[in-house]
């Protein structure tokens, strides 16, 4: 029960940091702590996936390094896959897989 309590507290902290303080780095760390404490915390996987997807999208929009962006999408797919395996809806996973495939193609095609 201790790990689940830690996961729940970390998840709640992540929500507060992202939504109230707009502290995405702090929220990311909190969601990662929640998934580490309880790998079965579907909402933490989902929220972490959403946060990383937002980061990847912003990086794409600002012309960031495509290899770094692809690495972010890989993490997004991993977290959404975990969430789906725990009962979450798969719409986000499908979108993330499409974005990852597109960025990987851009990396392969080069400048």
PDB file of N, CA and C in Angstrom:
ATOM      1  N   UNK A   1       0.826  -1.203   0.000  1.00  0.00           N
ATOM      2  CA  UNK A   1       0.000   0.000   0.000  1.00  0.00           C
ATOM      3  C   UNK A   1       0.861   1.253   0.000  1.00  0.00           C
ATOM      4  N   UNK A   2       2.084   1.166   0.518  1.00  0.00           N
ATOM      5  CA  UNK A   2       2.955   2.328   0.575  1.00  0.00           C
ATOM      6  C   UNK A   2       3.315   2.856  -0.794  1.00  0.00           C
ATOM      7  N   UNK A   3       3.663   1.955  -1.711  1.00  0.00           N
ATOM      8  CA  UNK A   3       4.027   2.385  -3.061  1.00  0.00           C
ATOM      9  C   UNK A   3       2.829   3.006  -3.776  1.00  0.00           C
ATOM     10  N   UNK A   4       1.655   2.411  -3.574  1.00  0.00           N
ATOM     11  CA  UNK A   4       0.458   2.971  -4.217  1.00  0.00           C
ATOM     12  C   UNK A   4       0.120   4.336  -3.643  1.00  0.00           C
ATOM     13  N   UNK A   5       0.327   4.517  -2.345  1.00  0.00           N
ATOM     14  CA  UNK A   5       0.099   5.820  -1.734  1.00  0.00           C
ATOM     15  C   UNK A   5       1.065   6.859  -2.273  1.00  0.00           C
ATOM     16  N   UNK A   6       2.333   6.437  -2.442  1.00  0.00           N
ATOM     17  CA  UNK A   6       3.331   7.327  -3.023  1.00  0.00           C
ATOM     18  C   UNK A   6       2.956   7.671  -4.461  1.00  0.00           C
ATOM     19  N   UNK A   7       2.484   6.674  -5.209  1.00  0.00           N
ATOM     20  CA  UNK A   7       2.088   6.907  -6.599  1.00  0.00           C
ATOM     21  C   UNK A   7       0.926   7.886  -6.674  1.00  0.00           C
ATOM     22  N   UNK A   8      -0.055   7.697  -5.794  1.00  0.00           N
ATOM     23  CA  UNK A   8      -1.224   8.587  -5.795  1.00  0.00           C
ATOM     24  C   UNK A   8      -0.818  10.017  -5.441  1.00  0.00           C
ATOM     25  N   UNK A   9       0.050  10.166  -4.447  1.00  0.00           N
ATOM     26  CA  UNK A   9       0.507  11.502  -4.054  1.00  0.00           C
ATOM     27  C   UNK A   9       1.317  12.151  -5.174  1.00  0.00           C
ATOM     28  N   UNK A  10       2.183  11.378  -5.814  1.00  0.00           N
ATOM     29  CA  UNK A  10       2.992  11.910  -6.913  1.00  0.00           C
ATOM     30  C   UNK A  10       2.108  12.304  -8.093  1.00  0.00           C
ATOM     31  N   UNK A  11       1.104  11.472  -8.377  1.00  0.00           N
ATOM     32  CA  UNK A  11       0.173  11.784  -9.466  1.00  0.00           C
ATOM     33  C   UNK A  11      -0.558  13.094  -9.184  1.00  0.00           C
ATOM     34  N   UNK A  12      -1.085  13.229  -7.976  1.00  0.00           N
ATOM     35  CA  UNK A  12      -1.805  14.452  -7.604  1.00  0.00           C
ATOM     36  C   UNK A  12      -0.890  15.669  -7.689  1.00  0.00           C
ATOM     37  N   UNK A  13       0.346  15.510  -7.237  1.00  0.00           N
ATOM     38  CA  UNK A  13       1.320  16.597  -7.340  1.00  0.00           C
ATOM     39  C   UNK A  13       1.543  16.972  -8.798  1.00  0.00           C
ATOM     40  N   UNK A  14       1.661  15.972  -9.661  1.00  0.00           N
ATOM     41  CA  UNK A  14       1.844  16.230 -11.089  1.00  0.00           C
ATOM     42  C   UNK A  14       0.703  17.030 -11.683  1.00  0.00           C
ATOM     43  N   UNK A  15      -0.513  16.662 -11.322  1.00  0.00           N
ATOM     44  CA  UNK A  15      -1.693  17.384 -11.820  1.00  0.00           C
ATOM     45  C   UNK A  15      -1.646  18.834 -11.358  1.00  0.00           C
ATOM     46  N   UNK A  16      -1.354  19.048 -10.080  1.00  0.00           N
ATOM     47  CA  UNK A  16      -1.289  20.409  -9.548  1.00  0.00           C
ATOM     48  C   UNK A  16      -0.175  21.229 -10.200  1.00  0.00           C
ATOM     49  N   UNK A  17       0.998  20.622 -10.345  1.00  0.00           N
ATOM     50  CA  UNK A  17       2.110  21.346 -10.944  1.00  0.00           C
ATOM     51  C   UNK A  17       1.803  21.753 -12.379  1.00  0.00           C
ATOM     52  N   UNK A  18       1.200  20.845 -13.140  1.00  0.00           N
ATOM     53  CA  UNK A  18       0.904  21.164 -14.540  1.00  0.00           C
ATOM     54  C   UNK A  18      -0.235  22.170 -14.660  1.00  0.00           C
ATOM     55  N   UNK A  19      -1.326  21.915 -13.949  1.00  0.00           N
ATOM     56  CA  UNK A  19      -2.538  22.712 -14.157  1.00  0.00           C
ATOM     57  C   UNK A  19      -2.561  24.026 -13.388  1.00  0.00           C
ATOM     58  N   UNK A  20      -1.948  24.061 -12.218  1.00  0.00           N
ATOM     59  CA  UNK A  20      -1.996  25.264 -11.391  1.00  0.00           C
ATOM     60  C   UNK A  20      -0.737  26.109 -11.583  1.00  0.00           C
ATOM     61  N   UNK A  21       0.406  25.457 -11.542  1.00  0.00           N
ATOM     62  CA  UNK A  21       1.674  26.202 -11.613  1.00  0.00           C
ATOM     63  C   UNK A  21       2.260  26.270 -13.025  1.00  0.00           C
ATOM     64  N   UNK A  22       1.689  25.521 -13.962  1.00  0.00           N
ATOM     65  CA  UNK A  22       2.231  25.424 -15.320  1.00  0.00           C
ATOM     66  C   UNK A  22       3.712  25.012 -15.298  1.00  0.00           C
ATOM     67  N   UNK A  23       4.055  24.172 -14.332  1.00  0.00           N
ATOM     68  CA  UNK A  23       5.418  23.665 -14.182  1.00  0.00           C
ATOM     69  C   UNK A  23       5.487  22.288 -14.837  1.00  0.00           C
ATOM     70  N   UNK A  24       5.757  22.288 -16.151  1.00  0.00           N
ATOM     71  CA  UNK A  24       5.746  21.013 -16.866  1.00  0.00           C
ATOM     72  C   UNK A  24       6.919  20.118 -16.476  1.00  0.00           C
ATOM     73  N   UNK A  25       8.082  20.710 -16.163  1.00  0.00           N
ATOM     74  CA  UNK A  25       9.215  19.885 -15.739  1.00  0.00           C
ATOM     75  C   UNK A  25       8.908  19.190 -14.408  1.00  0.00           C
ATOM     76  N   UNK A  26       8.343  19.954 -13.470  1.00  0.00           N
ATOM     77  CA  UNK A  26       7.965  19.368 -12.188  1.00  0.00           C
ATOM     78  C   UNK A  26       6.880  18.316 -12.339  1.00  0.00           C
ATOM     79  N   UNK A  27       5.912  18.593 -13.210  1.00  0.00           N
ATOM     80  CA  UNK A  27       4.839  17.625 -13.450  1.00  0.00           C
ATOM     81  C   UNK A  27       5.402  16.345 -14.056  1.00  0.00           C
ATOM     82  N   UNK A  28       6.310  16.491 -15.008  1.00  0.00           N
ATOM     83  CA  UNK A  28       6.924  15.309 -15.619  1.00  0.00           C
ATOM     84  C   UNK A  28       7.625  14.460 -14.565  1.00  0.00           C
ATOM     85  N   UNK A  29       8.398  15.099 -13.703  1.00  0.00           N
ATOM     86  CA  UNK A  29       9.109  14.367 -12.643  1.00  0.00           C
ATOM     87  C   UNK A  29       8.115  13.670 -11.708  1.00  0.00           C
ATOM     88  N   UNK A  30       7.019  14.348 -11.382  1.00  0.00           N
ATOM     89  CA  UNK A  30       6.018  13.755 -10.488  1.00  0.00           C
ATOM     90  C   UNK A  30       5.335  12.564 -11.143  1.00  0.00           C
ATOM     91  N   UNK A  31       4.963  12.694 -12.425  1.00  0.00           N
ATOM     92  CA  UNK A  31       4.333  11.565 -13.126  1.00  0.00           C
ATOM     93  C   UNK A  31       5.300  10.393 -13.266  1.00  0.00           C
ATOM     94  N   UNK A  32       6.578  10.693 -13.514  1.00  0.00           N
ATOM     95  CA  UNK A  32       7.572   9.606 -13.595  1.00  0.00           C
ATOM     96  C   UNK A  32       7.706   8.905 -12.236  1.00  0.00           C
ATOM     97  N   UNK A  33       7.671   9.676 -11.165  1.00  0.00           N
ATOM     98  CA  UNK A  33       7.725   9.074  -9.826  1.00  0.00           C
ATOM     99  C   UNK A  33       6.501   8.203  -9.577  1.00  0.00           C
ATOM    100  N   UNK A  34       5.348   8.660 -10.033  1.00  0.00           N
ATOM    101  CA  UNK A  34       4.117   7.881  -9.847  1.00  0.00           C
ATOM    102  C   UNK A  34       4.180   6.564 -10.601  1.00  0.00           C
ATOM    103  N   UNK A  35       4.657   6.589 -11.856  1.00  0.00           N
ATOM    104  CA  UNK A  35       4.726   5.345 -12.625  1.00  0.00           C
ATOM    105  C   UNK A  35       5.813   4.416 -12.102  1.00  0.00           C
ATOM    106  N   UNK A  36       6.874   4.994 -11.527  1.00  0.00           N
ATOM    107  CA  UNK A  36       7.926   4.160 -10.937  1.00  0.00           C
ATOM    108  C   UNK A  36       7.416   3.475  -9.672  1.00  0.00           C
ATOM    109  N   UNK A  37       6.653   4.222  -8.864  1.00  0.00           N
ATOM    110  CA  UNK A  37       6.127   3.661  -7.617  1.00  0.00           C
ATOM    111  C   UNK A  37       5.029   2.646  -7.879  1.00  0.00           C
ATOM    112  N   UNK A  38       4.229   2.881  -8.916  1.00  0.00           N
ATOM    113  CA  UNK A  38       3.129   1.978  -9.256  1.00  0.00           C
ATOM    114  C   UNK A  38       3.002   1.904 -10.771  1.00  0.00           C
ATOM    115  N   UNK A  39       3.687   0.932 -11.400  1.00  0.00           N
ATOM    116  CA  UNK A  39       3.613   0.797 -12.855  1.00  0.00           C
ATOM    117  C   UNK A  39       2.188   0.560 -13.378  1.00  0.00           C
ATOM    118  N   UNK A  40       1.274   0.241 -12.494  1.00  0.00           N
ATOM    119  CA  UNK A  40      -0.112   0.021 -12.879  1.00  0.00           C
ATOM    120  C   UNK A  40      -0.990   1.258 -12.768  1.00  0.00           C
ATOM    121  N   UNK A  41      -0.402   2.420 -12.583  1.00  0.00           N
ATOM    122  CA  UNK A  41      -1.168   3.665 -12.452  1.00  0.00           C
ATOM    123  C   UNK A  41      -1.449   4.212 -13.853  1.00  0.00           C
ATOM    124  N   UNK A  42      -2.583   3.801 -14.422  1.00  0.00           N
ATOM    125  CA  UNK A  42      -2.923   4.142 -15.809  1.00  0.00           C
ATOM    126  C   UNK A  42      -3.000   5.642 -16.041  1.00  0.00           C
ATOM    127  N   UNK A  43      -3.580   6.382 -15.099  1.00  0.00           N
ATOM    128  CA  UNK A  43      -3.728   7.828 -15.288  1.00  0.00           C
ATOM    129  C   UNK A  43      -2.367   8.527 -15.304  1.00  0.00           C
ATOM    130  N   UNK A  44      -1.426   8.039 -14.500  1.00  0.00           N
ATOM    131  CA  UNK A  44      -0.088   8.637 -14.505  1.00  0.00           C
ATOM    132  C   UNK A  44       0.592   8.392 -15.852  1.00  0.00           C
ATOM    133  N   UNK A  45       0.432   7.172 -16.398  1.00  0.00           N
ATOM    134  CA  UNK A  45       0.997   6.889 -17.720  1.00  0.00           C
ATOM    135  C   UNK A  45       0.350   7.780 -18.778  1.00  0.00           C
ATOM    136  N   UNK A  46      -0.963   7.925 -18.693  1.00  0.00           N
ATOM    137  CA  UNK A  46      -1.673   8.762 -19.663  1.00  0.00           C
ATOM    138  C   UNK A  46      -1.210  10.212 -19.569  1.00  0.00           C
ATOM    139  N   UNK A  47      -1.192  10.758 -18.362  1.00  0.00           N
ATOM    140  CA  UNK A  47      -0.806  12.162 -18.209  1.00  0.00           C
ATOM    141  C   UNK A  47       0.642  12.403 -18.616  1.00  0.00           C
ATOM    142  N   UNK A  48       1.519  11.460 -18.297  1.00  0.00           N
ATOM    143  CA  UNK A  48       2.908  11.605 -18.706  1.00  0.00           C
ATOM    144  C   UNK A  48       3.004  11.545 -20.226  1.00  0.00           C
ATOM    145  N   UNK A  49       2.251  10.647 -20.846  1.00  0.00           N
ATOM    146  CA  UNK A  49       2.236  10.576 -22.302  1.00  0.00           C
ATOM    147  C   UNK A  49       1.744  11.866 -22.934  1.00  0.00           C
ATOM    148  N   UNK A  50       0.679  12.436 -22.377  1.00  0.00           N
ATOM    149  CA  UNK A  50       0.145  13.703 -22.890  1.00  0.00           C
ATOM    150  C   UNK A  50       1.185  14.806 -22.747  1.00  0.00           C
ATOM    151  N   UNK A  51       1.813  14.885 -21.599  1.00  0.00           N
ATOM    152  CA  UNK A  51       2.820  15.916 -21.348  1.00  0.00           C
ATOM    153  C   UNK A  51       3.987  15.798 -22.330  1.00  0.00           C
ATOM    154  N   UNK A  52       4.473  14.578 -22.534  1.00  0.00           N
ATOM    155  CA  UNK A  52       5.586  14.366 -23.461  1.00  0.00           C
ATOM    156  C   UNK A  52       5.170  14.644 -24.902  1.00  0.00           C
ATOM    157  N   UNK A  53       3.918  14.310 -25.249  1.00  0.00           N
ATOM    158  CA  UNK A  53       3.411  14.597 -26.594  1.00  0.00           C
ATOM    159  C   UNK A  53       3.368  16.106 -26.832  1.00  0.00           C
ATOM    160  N   UNK A  54       2.928  16.847 -25.828  1.00  0.00           N
ATOM    161  CA  UNK A  54       2.908  18.309 -25.950  1.00  0.00           C
ATOM    162  C   UNK A  54       4.318  18.848 -26.157  1.00  0.00           C
ATOM    163  N   UNK A  55       5.263  18.291 -25.422  1.00  0.00           N
ATOM    164  CA  UNK A  55       6.663  18.715 -25.558  1.00  0.00           C
ATOM    165  C   UNK A  55       7.176  18.397 -26.969  1.00  0.00           C
ATOM    166  N   UNK A  56       6.855  17.206 -27.474  1.00  0.00           N
ATOM    167  CA  UNK A  56       7.289  16.811 -28.815  1.00  0.00           C
ATOM    168  C   UNK A  56       6.683  17.737 -29.871  1.00  0.00           C
ATOM    169  N   UNK A  57       5.404  18.051 -29.714  1.00  0.00           N
ATOM    170  CA  UNK A  57       4.736  18.934 -30.673  1.00  0.00           C
ATOM    171  C   UNK A  57       5.357  20.329 -30.668  1.00  0.00           C
ATOM    172  N   UNK A  58       5.636  20.853 -29.488  1.00  0.00           N
ATOM    173  CA  UNK A  58       6.266  22.175 -29.396  1.00  0.00           C
ATOM    174  C   UNK A  58       7.658  22.152 -30.026  1.00  0.00           C
ATOM    175  N   UNK A  59       8.396  21.067 -29.801  1.00  0.00           N
ATOM    176  CA  UNK A  59       9.728  20.946 -30.391  1.00  0.00           C
ATOM    177  C   UNK A  59       9.653  20.893 -31.907  1.00  0.00           C
ATOM    178  N   UNK A  60       8.654  20.166 -32.417  1.00  0.00           N
ATOM    179  CA  UNK A  60       8.470  20.103 -33.864  1.00  0.00           C
ATOM    180  C   UNK A  60       8.158  21.486 -34.425  1.00  0.00           C
ATOM    181  N   UNK A  61       7.243  22.190 -33.766  1.00  0.00           N
ATOM    182  CA  UNK A  61       6.832  23.515 -34.234  1.00  0.00           C
ATOM    183  C   UNK A  61       7.989  24.504 -34.243  1.00  0.00           C
ATOM    184  N   UNK A  62       8.905  24.355 -33.299  1.00  0.00           N
ATOM    185  CA  UNK A  62      10.029  25.293 -33.209  1.00  0.00           C
ATOM    186  C   UNK A  62      11.248  24.818 -33.997  1.00  0.00           C
ATOM    187  N   UNK A  63      11.086  23.734 -34.768  1.00  0.00           N
ATOM    188  CA  UNK A  63      12.192  23.256 -35.597  1.00  0.00           C
ATOM    189  C   UNK A  63      13.257  22.506 -34.831  1.00  0.00           C
ATOM    190  N   UNK A  64      12.861  21.822 -33.768  1.00  0.00           N
ATOM    191  CA  UNK A  64      13.814  21.064 -32.952  1.00  0.00           C
ATOM    192  C   UNK A  64      14.429  19.893 -33.693  1.00  0.00           C
ATOM    193  N   UNK A  65      15.417  19.285 -33.078  1.00  0.00           N
ATOM    194  CA  UNK A  65      16.116  18.138 -33.652  1.00  0.00           C
ATOM    195  C   UNK A  65      15.163  16.950 -33.805  1.00  0.00           C
ATOM    196  N   UNK A  66      15.050  16.435 -35.030  1.00  0.00           N
ATOM    197  CA  UNK A  66      14.094  15.364 -35.294  1.00  0.00           C
ATOM    198  C   UNK A  66      14.413  14.078 -34.534  1.00  0.00           C
ATOM    199  N   UNK A  67      15.682  13.796 -34.309  1.00  0.00           N
ATOM    200  CA  UNK A  67      16.043  12.588 -33.543  1.00  0.00           C
ATOM    201  C   UNK A  67      15.567  12.705 -32.095  1.00  0.00           C
ATOM    202  N   UNK A  68      15.714  13.895 -31.522  1.00  0.00           N
ATOM    203  CA  UNK A  68      15.241  14.124 -30.155  1.00  0.00           C
ATOM    204  C   UNK A  68      13.717  14.036 -30.097  1.00  0.00           C
ATOM    205  N   UNK A  69      13.067  14.573 -31.117  1.00  0.00           N
ATOM    206  CA  UNK A  69      11.605  14.536 -31.174  1.00  0.00           C
ATOM    207  C   UNK A  69      11.130  13.094 -31.318  1.00  0.00           C
ATOM    208  N   UNK A  70      11.806  12.311 -32.148  1.00  0.00           N
ATOM    209  CA  UNK A  70      11.450  10.897 -32.302  1.00  0.00           C
ATOM    210  C   UNK A  70      11.588  10.163 -30.971  1.00  0.00           C
ATOM    211  N   UNK A  71      12.637  10.471 -30.223  1.00  0.00           N
ATOM    212  CA  UNK A  71      12.845   9.832 -28.913  1.00  0.00           C
ATOM    213  C   UNK A  71      11.700  10.174 -27.960  1.00  0.00           C
ATOM    214  N   UNK A  72      11.218  11.412 -28.031  1.00  0.00           N
ATOM    215  CA  UNK A  72      10.062  11.789 -27.203  1.00  0.00           C
ATOM    216  C   UNK A  72       8.832  10.983 -27.610  1.00  0.00           C
ATOM    217  N   UNK A  73       8.591  10.863 -28.924  1.00  0.00           N
ATOM    218  CA  UNK A  73       7.421  10.108 -29.385  1.00  0.00           C
ATOM    219  C   UNK A  73       7.515   8.637 -28.980  1.00  0.00           C
ATOM    220  N   UNK A  74       8.736   8.088 -28.948  1.00  0.00           N
ATOM    221  CA  UNK A  74       8.901   6.702 -28.479  1.00  0.00           C
ATOM    222  C   UNK A  74       8.411   6.589 -27.035  1.00  0.00           C
ATOM    223  N   UNK A  75       8.785   7.554 -26.196  1.00  0.00           N
ATOM    224  CA  UNK A  75       8.327   7.539 -24.805  1.00  0.00           C
ATOM    225  C   UNK A  75       6.811   7.703 -24.714  1.00  0.00           C
ATOM    226  N   UNK A  76       6.268   8.577 -25.560  1.00  0.00           N
ATOM    227  CA  UNK A  76       4.814   8.781 -25.568  1.00  0.00           C
ATOM    228  C   UNK A  76       4.112   7.462 -25.885  1.00  0.00           C
ATOM    229  N   UNK A  77       4.581   6.782 -26.931  1.00  0.00           N
ATOM    230  CA  UNK A  77       3.978   5.503 -27.325  1.00  0.00           C
ATOM    231  C   UNK A  77       4.095   4.493 -26.178  1.00  0.00           C
ATOM    232  N   UNK A  78       5.240   4.451 -25.516  1.00  0.00           N
ATOM    233  CA  UNK A  78       5.422   3.511 -24.401  1.00  0.00           C
ATOM    234  C   UNK A  78       4.419   3.783 -23.281  1.00  0.00           C
ATOM    235  N   UNK A  79       4.261   5.047 -22.924  1.00  0.00           N
ATOM    236  CA  UNK A  79       3.347   5.368 -21.819  1.00  0.00           C
ATOM    237  C   UNK A  79       1.887   5.145 -22.212  1.00  0.00           C
ATOM    238  N   UNK A  80       1.516   5.498 -23.435  1.00  0.00           N
ATOM    239  CA  UNK A  80       0.144   5.239 -23.873  1.00  0.00           C
ATOM    240  C   UNK A  80      -0.110   3.738 -24.013  1.00  0.00           C
ATOM    241  N   UNK A  81       0.893   2.974 -24.438  1.00  0.00           N
ATOM    242  CA  UNK A  81       0.753   1.515 -24.520  1.00  0.00           C
ATOM    243  C   UNK A  81       0.502   0.938 -23.131  1.00  0.00           C
ATOM    244  N   UNK A  82       1.263   1.419 -22.146  1.00  0.00           N
ATOM    245  CA  UNK A  82       1.046   0.966 -20.767  1.00  0.00           C
ATOM    246  C   UNK A  82      -0.360   1.320 -20.303  1.00  0.00           C
ATOM    247  N   UNK A  83      -0.793   2.538 -20.592  1.00  0.00           N
ATOM    248  CA  UNK A  83      -2.130   2.977 -20.164  1.00  0.00           C
ATOM    249  C   UNK A  83      -3.214   2.122 -20.812  1.00  0.00           C
ATOM    250  N   UNK A  84      -3.062   1.840 -22.110  1.00  0.00           N
ATOM    251  CA  UNK A  84      -4.055   1.018 -22.811  1.00  0.00           C
ATOM    252  C   UNK A  84      -4.085  -0.389 -22.231  1.00  0.00           C
ATOM    253  N   UNK A  85      -2.911  -0.933 -21.918  1.00  0.00           N
ATOM    254  CA  UNK A  85      -2.872  -2.285 -21.339  1.00  0.00           C
ATOM    255  C   UNK A  85      -3.554  -2.325 -19.970  1.00  0.00           C
ATOM    256  N   UNK A  86      -3.691  -1.149 -19.355  1.00  0.00           N
ATOM    257  CA  UNK A  86      -4.353  -1.043 -18.051  1.00  0.00           C
ATOM    258  C   UNK A  86      -5.809  -0.598 -18.181  1.00  0.00           C
ATOM    259  N   UNK A  87      -6.310  -0.537 -19.418  1.00  0.00           N
ATOM    260  CA  UNK A  87      -7.723  -0.255 -19.631  1.00  0.00           C
ATOM    261  C   UNK A  87      -8.066   1.101 -20.204  1.00  0.00           C
ATOM    262  N   UNK A  88      -7.069   1.933 -20.496  1.00  0.00           N
ATOM    263  CA  UNK A  88      -7.356   3.260 -21.056  1.00  0.00           C
ATOM    264  C   UNK A  88      -7.745   3.141 -22.529  1.00  0.00           C
ATOM    265  N   UNK A  89      -8.393   4.170 -23.025  1.00  0.00           N
ATOM    266  CA  UNK A  89      -8.789   4.256 -24.420  1.00  0.00           C
ATOM    267  C   UNK A  89      -7.544   4.297 -25.308  1.00  0.00           C
ATOM    268  N   UNK A  90      -7.642   3.731 -26.511  1.00  0.00           N
ATOM    269  CA  UNK A  90      -6.461   3.648 -27.366  1.00  0.00           C
ATOM    270  C   UNK A  90      -6.347   4.753 -28.417  1.00  0.00           C
ATOM    271  N   UNK A  91      -7.219   5.743 -28.395  1.00  0.00           N
ATOM    272  CA  UNK A  91      -7.157   6.806 -29.411  1.00  0.00           C
ATOM    273  C   UNK A  91      -5.834   7.569 -29.351  1.00  0.00           C
ATOM    274  N   UNK A  92      -5.381   7.884 -28.161  1.00  0.00           N
ATOM    275  CA  UNK A  92      -4.115   8.611 -28.040  1.00  0.00           C
ATOM    276  C   UNK A  92      -2.944   7.765 -28.530  1.00  0.00           C
ATOM    277  N   UNK A  93      -2.994   6.474 -28.259  1.00  0.00           N
ATOM    278  CA  UNK A  93      -1.924   5.579 -28.690  1.00  0.00           C
ATOM    279  C   UNK A  93      -1.840   5.559 -30.212  1.00  0.00           C
ATOM    280  N   UNK A  94      -2.977   5.451 -30.873  1.00  0.00           N
ATOM    281  CA  UNK A  94      -2.978   5.433 -32.338  1.00  0.00           C
ATOM    282  C   UNK A  94      -2.382   6.726 -32.896  1.00  0.00           C
ATOM    283  N   UNK A  95      -2.762   7.860 -32.335  1.00  0.00           N
ATOM    284  CA  UNK A  95      -2.233   9.149 -32.779  1.00  0.00           C
ATOM    285  C   UNK A  95      -0.724   9.215 -32.557  1.00  0.00           C
ATOM    286  N   UNK A  96      -0.271   8.758 -31.405  1.00  0.00           N
ATOM    287  CA  UNK A  96       1.159   8.813 -31.093  1.00  0.00           C
ATOM    288  C   UNK A  96       1.956   7.920 -32.037  1.00  0.00           C
ATOM    289  N   UNK A  97       1.432   6.754 -32.357  1.00  0.00           N
ATOM    290  CA  UNK A  97       2.121   5.858 -33.295  1.00  0.00           C
ATOM    291  C   UNK A  97       2.233   6.507 -34.669  1.00  0.00           C
ATOM    292  N   UNK A  98       1.188   7.202 -35.099  1.00  0.00           N
ATOM    293  CA  UNK A  98       1.226   7.895 -36.390  1.00  0.00           C
ATOM    294  C   UNK A  98       2.270   9.000 -36.378  1.00  0.00           C
ATOM    295  N   UNK A  99       2.316   9.781 -35.304  1.00  0.00           N
ATOM    296  CA  UNK A  99       3.288  10.869 -35.210  1.00  0.00           C
ATOM    297  C   UNK A  99       4.713  10.315 -35.174  1.00  0.00           C
ATOM    298  N   UNK A 100       4.922   9.239 -34.421  1.00  0.00           N
ATOM    299  CA  UNK A 100       6.241   8.631 -34.350  1.00  0.00           C
ATOM    300  C   UNK A 100       6.673   8.148 -35.735  1.00  0.00           C
ATOM    301  N   UNK A 101       5.785   7.491 -36.460  1.00  0.00           N
ATOM    302  CA  UNK A 101       6.120   7.000 -37.793  1.00  0.00           C
ATOM    303  C   UNK A 101       6.479   8.163 -38.724  1.00  0.00           C
ATOM    304  N   UNK A 102       5.734   9.259 -38.628  1.00  0.00           N
ATOM    305  CA  UNK A 102       6.003  10.416 -39.480  1.00  0.00           C
ATOM    306  C   UNK A 102       7.366  11.035 -39.164  1.00  0.00           C
ATOM    307  N   UNK A 103       7.679  11.172 -37.875  1.00  0.00           N
ATOM    308  CA  UNK A 103       8.960  11.769 -37.499  1.00  0.00           C
ATOM    309  C   UNK A 103      10.114  10.830 -37.867  1.00  0.00           C
ATOM    310  N   UNK A 104       9.944   9.525 -37.673  1.00  0.00           N
ATOM    311  CA  UNK A 104      10.994   8.575 -38.049  1.00  0.00           C
ATOM    312  C   UNK A 104      11.250   8.646 -39.550  1.00  0.00           C
ATOM    313  N   UNK A 105      10.192   8.793 -40.339  1.00  0.00           N
ATOM    314  CA  UNK A 105      10.345   8.932 -41.794  1.00  0.00           C
ATOM    315  C   UNK A 105      11.115  10.196 -42.125  1.00  0.00           C
ATOM    316  N   UNK A 106      10.795  11.288 -41.449  1.00  0.00           N
ATOM    317  CA  UNK A 106      11.513  12.552 -41.685  1.00  0.00           C
ATOM    318  C   UNK A 106      12.987  12.410 -41.325  1.00  0.00           C
ATOM    319  N   UNK A 107      13.282  11.684 -40.245  1.00  0.00           N
ATOM    320  CA  UNK A 107      14.674  11.467 -39.850  1.00  0.00           C
ATOM    321  C   UNK A 107      15.386  10.654 -40.942  1.00  0.00           C
ATOM    322  N   UNK A 108      14.712   9.610 -41.413  1.00  0.00           N
ATOM    323  CA  UNK A 108      15.312   8.743 -42.432  1.00  0.00           C
ATOM    324  C   UNK A 108      15.511   9.485 -43.755  1.00  0.00           C
ATOM    325  N   UNK A 109      14.570  10.346 -44.110  1.00  0.00           N
ATOM    326  CA  UNK A 109      14.653  11.093 -45.366  1.00  0.00           C
ATOM    327  C   UNK A 109      15.724  12.165 -45.326  1.00  0.00           C
ATOM    328  N   UNK A 110      16.024  12.641 -44.135  1.00  0.00           N
ATOM    329  CA  UNK A 110      17.051  13.675 -43.975  1.00  0.00           C
ATOM    330  C   UNK A 110      16.579  15.045 -44.435  1.00  0.00           C
ATOM    331  N   UNK A 111      17.479  16.023 -44.331  1.00  0.00           N
ATOM    332  CA  UNK A 111      17.099  17.405 -44.693  1.00  0.00           C
ATOM    333  C   UNK A 111      16.909  17.585 -46.194  1.00  0.00           C
TER     334      UNK A 111
END
